[in-house]
PDB file of all heavy atoms in Angstrom:
ATOM      1  N   PHE A   1       6.378  -7.279  -7.490  1.00  0.00           N
ATOM      2  CA  PHE A   1       6.775  -7.503  -6.104  1.00  0.00           C
ATOM      3  C   PHE A   1       5.589  -7.248  -5.210  1.00  0.00           C
ATOM      4  O   PHE A   1       4.555  -6.706  -5.642  1.00  0.00           O
ATOM      5  CB  PHE A   1       7.941  -6.596  -5.721  1.00  0.00           C
ATOM      6  CG  PHE A   1       7.645  -5.124  -5.768  1.00  0.00           C
ATOM      7  CD1 PHE A   1       7.118  -4.453  -4.662  1.00  0.00           C
ATOM      8  CD2 PHE A   1       7.871  -4.408  -6.942  1.00  0.00           C
ATOM      9  CE1 PHE A   1       6.826  -3.119  -4.729  1.00  0.00           C
ATOM     10  CE2 PHE A   1       7.598  -3.038  -7.008  1.00  0.00           C
ATOM     11  CZ  PHE A   1       7.061  -2.393  -5.892  1.00  0.00           C
ATOM     12  N   GLY A   2       5.710  -7.656  -3.945  1.00  0.00           N
ATOM     13  CA  GLY A   2       4.647  -7.444  -2.995  1.00  0.00           C
ATOM     14  C   GLY A   2       5.176  -7.311  -1.590  1.00  0.00           C
ATOM     15  O   GLY A   2       6.257  -7.798  -1.246  1.00  0.00           O
ATOM     16  N   LEU A   3       4.416  -6.617  -0.763  1.00  0.00           N
ATOM     17  CA  LEU A   3       4.694  -6.471   0.665  1.00  0.00           C
ATOM     18  C   LEU A   3       3.515  -7.067   1.435  1.00  0.00           C
ATOM     19  O   LEU A   3       2.336  -6.799   1.106  1.00  0.00           O
ATOM     20  CB  LEU A   3       4.870  -5.009   1.041  1.00  0.00           C
ATOM     21  CG  LEU A   3       6.099  -4.297   0.451  1.00  0.00           C
ATOM     22  CD1 LEU A   3       5.992  -2.798   0.670  1.00  0.00           C
ATOM     23  CD2 LEU A   3       7.373  -4.848   1.069  1.00  0.00           C
ATOM     24  N   ALA A   4       3.796  -7.851   2.469  1.00  0.00           N
ATOM     25  CA  ALA A   4       2.743  -8.567   3.196  1.00  0.00           C
ATOM     26  C   ALA A   4       2.864  -8.322   4.687  1.00  0.00           C
ATOM     27  O   ALA A   4       3.880  -8.661   5.292  1.00  0.00           O
ATOM     28  CB  ALA A   4       2.835 -10.064   2.890  1.00  0.00           C
ATOM     29  N   TRP A   5       1.827  -7.728   5.247  1.00  0.00           N
ATOM     30  CA  TRP A   5       1.654  -7.624   6.678  1.00  0.00           C
ATOM     31  C   TRP A   5       0.639  -8.686   7.123  1.00  0.00           C
ATOM     32  O   TRP A   5      -0.017  -9.313   6.286  1.00  0.00           O
ATOM     33  CB  TRP A   5       1.149  -6.228   7.046  1.00  0.00           C
ATOM     34  CG  TRP A   5       2.145  -5.134   6.799  1.00  0.00           C
ATOM     35  CD1 TRP A   5       3.016  -4.594   7.707  1.00  0.00           C
ATOM     36  CD2 TRP A   5       2.368  -4.424   5.574  1.00  0.00           C
ATOM     37  NE1 TRP A   5       3.780  -3.619   7.131  1.00  0.00           N
ATOM     38  CE2 TRP A   5       3.397  -3.477   5.818  1.00  0.00           C
ATOM     39  CE3 TRP A   5       1.826  -4.501   4.286  1.00  0.00           C
ATOM     40  CZ2 TRP A   5       3.859  -2.613   4.841  1.00  0.00           C
ATOM     41  CZ3 TRP A   5       2.288  -3.647   3.294  1.00  0.00           C
ATOM     42  CH2 TRP A   5       3.298  -2.728   3.593  1.00  0.00           C
ATOM     43  N   PRO A   6       0.468  -8.905   8.406  1.00  0.00           N
ATOM     44  CA  PRO A   6      -0.476  -9.939   8.837  1.00  0.00           C
ATOM     45  C   PRO A   6      -1.894  -9.775   8.276  1.00  0.00           C
ATOM     46  O   PRO A   6      -2.538 -10.750   7.908  1.00  0.00           O
ATOM     47  CB  PRO A   6      -0.449  -9.835  10.368  1.00  0.00           C
ATOM     48  CG  PRO A   6       0.914  -9.315  10.682  1.00  0.00           C
ATOM     49  CD  PRO A   6       1.234  -8.360   9.559  1.00  0.00           C
ATOM     50  N   ASN A   7      -2.365  -8.505   8.194  1.00  0.00           N
ATOM     51  CA  ASN A   7      -3.740  -8.287   7.761  1.00  0.00           C
ATOM     52  C   ASN A   7      -3.839  -7.415   6.510  1.00  0.00           C
ATOM     53  O   ASN A   7      -4.950  -6.971   6.154  1.00  0.00           O
ATOM     54  CB  ASN A   7      -4.539  -7.635   8.895  1.00  0.00           C
ATOM     55  CG  ASN A   7      -4.680  -8.560  10.089  1.00  0.00           C
ATOM     56  OD1 ASN A   7      -4.966  -9.755   9.930  1.00  0.00           O
ATOM     57  ND2 ASN A   7      -4.432  -8.037  11.282  1.00  0.00           N
ATOM     58  N   PHE A   8      -2.722  -7.166   5.859  1.00  0.00           N
ATOM     59  CA  PHE A   8      -2.761  -6.297   4.688  1.00  0.00           C
ATOM     60  C   PHE A   8      -1.638  -6.707   3.732  1.00  0.00           C
ATOM     61  O   PHE A   8      -0.532  -7.057   4.159  1.00  0.00           O
ATOM     62  CB  PHE A   8      -2.598  -4.832   5.086  1.00  0.00           C
ATOM     63  CG  PHE A   8      -2.524  -3.881   3.927  1.00  0.00           C
ATOM     64  CD1 PHE A   8      -3.626  -3.691   3.091  1.00  0.00           C
ATOM     65  CD2 PHE A   8      -1.367  -3.183   3.638  1.00  0.00           C
ATOM     66  CE1 PHE A   8      -3.572  -2.827   2.025  1.00  0.00           C
ATOM     67  CE2 PHE A   8      -1.286  -2.311   2.577  1.00  0.00           C
ATOM     68  CZ  PHE A   8      -2.402  -2.133   1.763  1.00  0.00           C
ATOM     69  N   GLN A   9      -1.921  -6.664   2.446  1.00  0.00           N
ATOM     70  CA  GLN A   9      -0.930  -7.005   1.430  1.00  0.00           C
ATOM     71  C   GLN A   9      -1.117  -6.094   0.224  1.00  0.00           C
ATOM     72  O   GLN A   9      -2.252  -5.801  -0.176  1.00  0.00           O
ATOM     73  CB  GLN A   9      -1.084  -8.469   1.016  1.00  0.00           C
ATOM     74  CG  GLN A   9      -0.129  -8.929  -0.052  1.00  0.00           C
ATOM     75  CD  GLN A   9      -0.288 -10.435  -0.340  1.00  0.00           C
ATOM     76  OE1 GLN A   9      -0.589 -11.203   0.562  1.00  0.00           O
ATOM     77  NE2 GLN A   9      -0.092 -10.824  -1.575  1.00  0.00           N
ATOM     78  N   ILE A  10      -0.013  -5.657  -0.359  1.00  0.00           N
ATOM     79  CA  ILE A  10      -0.084  -4.832  -1.561  1.00  0.00           C
ATOM     80  C   ILE A  10       0.880  -5.422  -2.589  1.00  0.00           C
ATOM     81  O   ILE A  10       2.003  -5.826  -2.258  1.00  0.00           O
ATOM     82  CB  ILE A  10       0.234  -3.354  -1.285  1.00  0.00           C
ATOM     83  CG1 ILE A  10      -0.008  -2.508  -2.530  1.00  0.00           C
ATOM     84  CG2 ILE A  10       1.631  -3.184  -0.724  1.00  0.00           C
ATOM     85  CD1 ILE A  10      -0.030  -1.025  -2.272  1.00  0.00           C
ATOM     86  N   ASP A  11       0.443  -5.506  -3.848  1.00  0.00           N
ATOM     87  CA  ASP A  11       1.225  -6.108  -4.920  1.00  0.00           C
ATOM     88  C   ASP A  11       1.162  -5.234  -6.163  1.00  0.00           C
ATOM     89  O   ASP A  11       0.136  -4.605  -6.442  1.00  0.00           O
ATOM     90  CB  ASP A  11       0.679  -7.494  -5.272  1.00  0.00           C
ATOM     91  CG  ASP A  11       0.686  -8.448  -4.088  1.00  0.00           C
ATOM     92  OD1 ASP A  11       1.776  -8.764  -3.591  1.00  0.00           O
ATOM     93  OD2 ASP A  11      -0.422  -8.838  -3.649  1.00  0.00           O
ATOM     94  N   VAL A  12       2.265  -5.197  -6.898  1.00  0.00           N
ATOM     95  CA  VAL A  12       2.299  -4.528  -8.184  1.00  0.00           C
ATOM     96  C   VAL A  12       2.910  -5.475  -9.208  1.00  0.00           C
ATOM     97  O   VAL A  12       3.689  -6.369  -8.861  1.00  0.00           O
ATOM     98  CB  VAL A  12       3.122  -3.210  -8.134  1.00  0.00           C
ATOM     99  CG1 VAL A  12       2.487  -2.225  -7.187  1.00  0.00           C
ATOM    100  CG2 VAL A  12       4.565  -3.486  -7.737  1.00  0.00           C
ATOM    101  N   ALA A  13       2.545  -5.314 -10.475  1.00  0.00           N
ATOM    102  CA  ALA A  13       3.010  -6.228 -11.512  1.00  0.00           C
ATOM    103  C   ALA A  13       3.006  -5.531 -12.870  1.00  0.00           C
ATOM    104  O   ALA A  13       2.291  -4.542 -13.075  1.00  0.00           O
ATOM    105  CB  ALA A  13       2.126  -7.464 -11.592  1.00  0.00           C
ATOM    106  N   TYR A  14       3.795  -6.094 -13.775  1.00  0.00           N
ATOM    107  CA  TYR A  14       3.873  -5.573 -15.130  1.00  0.00           C
ATOM    108  C   TYR A  14       4.042  -6.753 -16.091  1.00  0.00           C
ATOM    109  O   TYR A  14       4.795  -7.683 -15.837  1.00  0.00           O
ATOM    110  CB  TYR A  14       5.057  -4.618 -15.284  1.00  0.00           C
ATOM    111  CG  TYR A  14       5.120  -3.896 -16.613  1.00  0.00           C
ATOM    112  CD1 TYR A  14       4.182  -2.947 -16.941  1.00  0.00           C
ATOM    113  CD2 TYR A  14       6.153  -4.182 -17.514  1.00  0.00           C
ATOM    114  CE1 TYR A  14       4.220  -2.272 -18.163  1.00  0.00           C
ATOM    115  CE2 TYR A  14       6.217  -3.499 -18.727  1.00  0.00           C
ATOM    116  CZ  TYR A  14       5.257  -2.560 -19.054  1.00  0.00           C
ATOM    117  OH  TYR A  14       5.306  -1.902 -20.258  1.00  0.00           O
ATOM    118  N   ASP A  15       3.314  -6.687 -17.196  1.00  0.00           N
ATOM    119  CA  ASP A  15       3.342  -7.724 -18.243  1.00  0.00           C
ATOM    120  C   ASP A  15       3.661  -7.020 -19.555  1.00  0.00           C
ATOM    121  O   ASP A  15       2.977  -6.066 -19.942  1.00  0.00           O
ATOM    122  CB  ASP A  15       1.989  -8.434 -18.314  1.00  0.00           C
ATOM    123  CG  ASP A  15       1.901  -9.507 -19.396  1.00  0.00           C
ATOM    124  OD1 ASP A  15       2.577  -9.378 -20.424  1.00  0.00           O
ATOM    125  OD2 ASP A  15       1.122 -10.455 -19.197  1.00  0.00           O
ATOM    126  N   THR A  16       4.692  -7.485 -20.281  1.00  0.00           N
ATOM    127  CA  THR A  16       5.056  -6.829 -21.530  1.00  0.00           C
ATOM    128  C   THR A  16       5.295  -7.855 -22.633  1.00  0.00           C
ATOM    129  O   THR A  16       5.834  -8.934 -22.402  1.00  0.00           O
ATOM    130  CB  THR A  16       6.330  -5.957 -21.343  1.00  0.00           C
ATOM    131  OG1 THR A  16       6.639  -5.331 -22.586  1.00  0.00           O
ATOM    132  CG2 THR A  16       7.517  -6.799 -20.908  1.00  0.00           C
ATOM    133  N   SER A  17       4.835  -7.513 -23.814  1.00  0.00           N
ATOM    134  CA  SER A  17       5.106  -8.295 -25.044  1.00  0.00           C
ATOM    135  C   SER A  17       5.226  -7.290 -26.182  1.00  0.00           C
ATOM    136  O   SER A  17       5.139  -6.074 -25.979  1.00  0.00           O
ATOM    137  CB  SER A  17       3.990  -9.306 -25.319  1.00  0.00           C
ATOM    138  OG  SER A  17       2.796  -8.633 -25.694  1.00  0.00           O
ATOM    139  N   ASP A  18       5.409  -7.784 -27.400  1.00  0.00           N
ATOM    140  CA  ASP A  18       5.559  -6.870 -28.546  1.00  0.00           C
ATOM    141  C   ASP A  18       4.322  -6.015 -28.768  1.00  0.00           C
ATOM    142  O   ASP A  18       4.433  -4.858 -29.197  1.00  0.00           O
ATOM    143  CB  ASP A  18       5.875  -7.683 -29.812  1.00  0.00           C
ATOM    144  CG  ASP A  18       7.266  -8.283 -29.814  1.00  0.00           C
ATOM    145  OD1 ASP A  18       8.101  -7.794 -29.017  1.00  0.00           O
ATOM    146  OD2 ASP A  18       7.524  -9.211 -30.565  1.00  0.00           O
ATOM    147  N   THR A  19       3.146  -6.550 -28.512  1.00  0.00           N
ATOM    148  CA  THR A  19       1.930  -5.855 -28.858  1.00  0.00           C
ATOM    149  C   THR A  19       1.031  -5.510 -27.670  1.00  0.00           C
ATOM    150  O   THR A  19       0.011  -4.884 -27.846  1.00  0.00           O
ATOM    151  CB  THR A  19       1.078  -6.682 -29.863  1.00  0.00           C
ATOM    152  OG1 THR A  19       0.667  -7.898 -29.228  1.00  0.00           O
ATOM    153  CG2 THR A  19       1.883  -6.976 -31.104  1.00  0.00           C
ATOM    154  N   TYR A  20       1.402  -5.944 -26.474  1.00  0.00           N
ATOM    155  CA  TYR A  20       0.506  -5.756 -25.335  1.00  0.00           C
ATOM    156  C   TYR A  20       1.317  -5.474 -24.078  1.00  0.00           C
ATOM    157  O   TYR A  20       2.275  -6.204 -23.791  1.00  0.00           O
ATOM    158  CB  TYR A  20      -0.356  -7.016 -25.142  1.00  0.00           C
ATOM    159  CG  TYR A  20      -1.398  -6.906 -24.062  1.00  0.00           C
ATOM    160  CD1 TYR A  20      -2.483  -6.054 -24.205  1.00  0.00           C
ATOM    161  CD2 TYR A  20      -1.317  -7.709 -22.924  1.00  0.00           C
ATOM    162  CE1 TYR A  20      -3.466  -5.984 -23.226  1.00  0.00           C
ATOM    163  CE2 TYR A  20      -2.296  -7.633 -21.937  1.00  0.00           C
ATOM    164  CZ  TYR A  20      -3.373  -6.757 -22.083  1.00  0.00           C
ATOM    165  OH  TYR A  20      -4.330  -6.688 -21.110  1.00  0.00           O
ATOM    166  N   LYS A  21       0.936  -4.447 -23.332  1.00  0.00           N
ATOM    167  CA  LYS A  21       1.604  -4.106 -22.077  1.00  0.00           C
ATOM    168  C   LYS A  21       0.534  -3.733 -21.070  1.00  0.00           C
ATOM    169  O   LYS A  21      -0.408  -3.004 -21.388  1.00  0.00           O
ATOM    170  CB  LYS A  21       2.578  -2.939 -22.293  1.00  0.00           C
ATOM    171  CG  LYS A  21       3.629  -3.214 -23.361  1.00  0.00           C
ATOM    172  CD  LYS A  21       4.585  -2.055 -23.563  1.00  0.00           C
ATOM    173  CE  LYS A  21       5.443  -2.278 -24.798  1.00  0.00           C
ATOM    174  NZ  LYS A  21       6.244  -3.491 -24.760  1.00  0.00           N
ATOM    175  N   VAL A  22       0.704  -4.249 -19.862  1.00  0.00           N
ATOM    176  CA  VAL A  22      -0.281  -3.969 -18.815  1.00  0.00           C
ATOM    177  C   VAL A  22       0.409  -3.816 -17.484  1.00  0.00           C
ATOM    178  O   VAL A  22       1.338  -4.562 -17.141  1.00  0.00           O
ATOM    179  CB  VAL A  22      -1.371  -5.081 -18.769  1.00  0.00           C
ATOM    180  CG1 VAL A  22      -0.756  -6.435 -18.473  1.00  0.00           C
ATOM    181  CG2 VAL A  22      -2.428  -4.746 -17.728  1.00  0.00           C
ATOM    182  N   GLY A  23      -0.030  -2.828 -16.721  1.00  0.00           N
ATOM    183  CA  GLY A  23       0.438  -2.647 -15.351  1.00  0.00           C
ATOM    184  C   GLY A  23      -0.710  -2.836 -14.383  1.00  0.00           C
ATOM    185  O   GLY A  23      -1.875  -2.520 -14.696  1.00  0.00           O
ATOM    186  N   SER A  24      -0.406  -3.354 -13.197  1.00  0.00           N
ATOM    187  CA  SER A  24      -1.460  -3.700 -12.250  1.00  0.00           C
ATOM    188  C   SER A  24      -0.996  -3.400 -10.830  1.00  0.00           C
ATOM    189  O   SER A  24       0.186  -3.551 -10.495  1.00  0.00           O
ATOM    190  CB  SER A  24      -1.828  -5.185 -12.364  1.00  0.00           C
ATOM    191  OG  SER A  24      -2.656  -5.601 -11.311  1.00  0.00           O
ATOM    192  N   MET A  25      -1.950  -3.002  -9.998  1.00  0.00           N
ATOM    193  CA  MET A  25      -1.718  -2.837  -8.566  1.00  0.00           C
ATOM    194  C   MET A  25      -2.931  -3.390  -7.835  1.00  0.00           C
ATOM    195  O   MET A  25      -4.061  -3.067  -8.191  1.00  0.00           O
ATOM    196  CB  MET A  25      -1.484  -1.372  -8.175  1.00  0.00           C
ATOM    197  CG  MET A  25      -1.316  -1.160  -6.680  1.00  0.00           C
ATOM    198  SD  MET A  25      -0.994   0.579  -6.243  1.00  0.00           S
ATOM    199  CE  MET A  25       0.670   0.751  -6.879  1.00  0.00           C
ATOM    200  N   SER A  26      -2.674  -4.207  -6.844  1.00  0.00           N
ATOM    201  CA  SER A  26      -3.797  -4.780  -6.079  1.00  0.00           C
ATOM    202  C   SER A  26      -3.484  -4.744  -4.588  1.00  0.00           C
ATOM    203  O   SER A  26      -2.326  -4.711  -4.165  1.00  0.00           O
ATOM    204  CB  SER A  26      -4.106  -6.207  -6.531  1.00  0.00           C
ATOM    205  OG  SER A  26      -3.008  -7.075  -6.316  1.00  0.00           O
TER     206      SER A  26
END
C-alpha cells in the first residue's frame, strides 16, 4: 500500500514465494 501527499509519498510492499521473501519500504 501507499500514501501520497502532493510532495511526498511513502510505499511498503511484500513479495513471498516458497523459497524467497522480501519486504520493502520506499
